[in-house]
Amino acid sequence: VNPLISAASVIAARLAVKLAYIRPRICQGTAAGRAVEGIVRQPKSEGKIRDTLLLSLDFIWKL
């Protein structure tokens, strides 16, 4: 096996893994921001919004 191809494969695999972690982080940030906006608009619903946020973050991370 060509060493250049092996090195390129390792680099590509590392890049793919790192890129796979970016999307959930972006989604988590967006969800948290929207939850804060919802709490600001509806302070009485803070408990429900927080619980839904935590459940959503768990689903985002596991997918």
Protein backbone atom coordinates (compact mmCIF):
# COMPACT_ATOMS: atom_id res chain seq x y z
CA VAL A 1 0.00 0.00 0.00
CA ASN A 2 1.26 3.42 -0.90
CA PRO A 3 2.26 5.39 2.25
CA LEU A 4 0.87 8.59 0.76
CA ILE A 5 -2.55 6.98 0.32
CA SER A 6 -2.44 5.63 3.88
CA ALA A 7 -1.56 9.06 5.29
CA ALA A 8 -4.30 10.73 3.25
CA SER A 9 -6.81 8.15 4.47
CA VAL A 10 -5.91 8.82 8.11
CA ILE A 11 -6.19 12.58 7.62
CA ALA A 12 -9.54 12.20 5.82
CA ALA A 13 -10.89 9.98 8.59
CA ARG A 14 -9.87 12.47 11.29
CA LEU A 15 -11.46 15.31 9.35
CA ALA A 16 -14.69 13.34 8.91
CA VAL A 17 -14.91 12.64 12.64
CA LYS A 18 -14.29 16.28 13.54
CA LEU A 19 -16.90 17.47 11.06
CA ALA A 20 -19.39 14.98 12.48
CA TYR A 21 -19.12 16.73 15.86
CA ILE A 22 -19.75 20.21 14.48
CA ARG A 23 -23.40 19.76 13.48
CA PRO A 24 -24.69 18.62 16.90
CA ARG A 25 -22.87 21.52 18.56
CA ILE A 26 -24.52 24.01 16.22
CA CYS A 27 -27.93 22.43 16.83
CA GLN A 28 -27.41 22.50 20.59
CA GLY A 29 -26.50 26.18 20.50
CA THR A 30 -29.52 27.00 18.38
CA ALA A 31 -31.85 25.02 20.64
CA ALA A 32 -30.48 26.67 23.77
CA GLY A 33 -30.83 30.12 22.23
CA ARG A 34 -34.42 29.47 21.22
CA ALA A 35 -35.21 28.14 24.68
CA VAL A 36 -33.86 31.30 26.29
CA GLU A 37 -35.94 33.40 23.90
CA GLY A 38 -39.02 31.35 24.82
CA ILE A 39 -38.38 31.78 28.53
CA VAL A 40 -38.00 35.54 28.07
CA ARG A 41 -41.34 35.68 26.22
CA GLN A 42 -43.18 33.27 28.55
CA PRO A 43 -41.56 33.27 32.01
CA LYS A 44 -44.40 31.19 33.47
CA SER A 45 -43.56 28.33 31.11
CA GLU A 46 -39.90 28.21 32.17
CA GLY A 47 -40.16 24.72 33.66
CA LYS A 48 -41.75 23.15 30.59
CA ILE A 49 -39.35 24.90 28.24
CA ARG A 50 -36.33 23.83 30.29
CA ASP A 51 -37.50 20.21 30.45
CA THR A 52 -38.16 20.14 26.71
CA LEU A 53 -34.76 21.70 26.05
CA LEU A 54 -32.93 19.10 28.11
CA LEU A 55 -34.78 16.26 26.38
CA SER A 56 -34.08 17.81 22.97
CA LEU A 57 -30.38 18.24 23.74
CA ASP A 58 -30.20 14.59 24.72
CA PHE A 59 -31.83 13.53 21.43
CA ILE A 60 -29.56 15.83 19.41
CA TRP A 61 -26.46 14.40 21.03
CA LYS A 62 -27.50 10.77 20.57
CA LEU A 63 -28.42 11.15 16.91
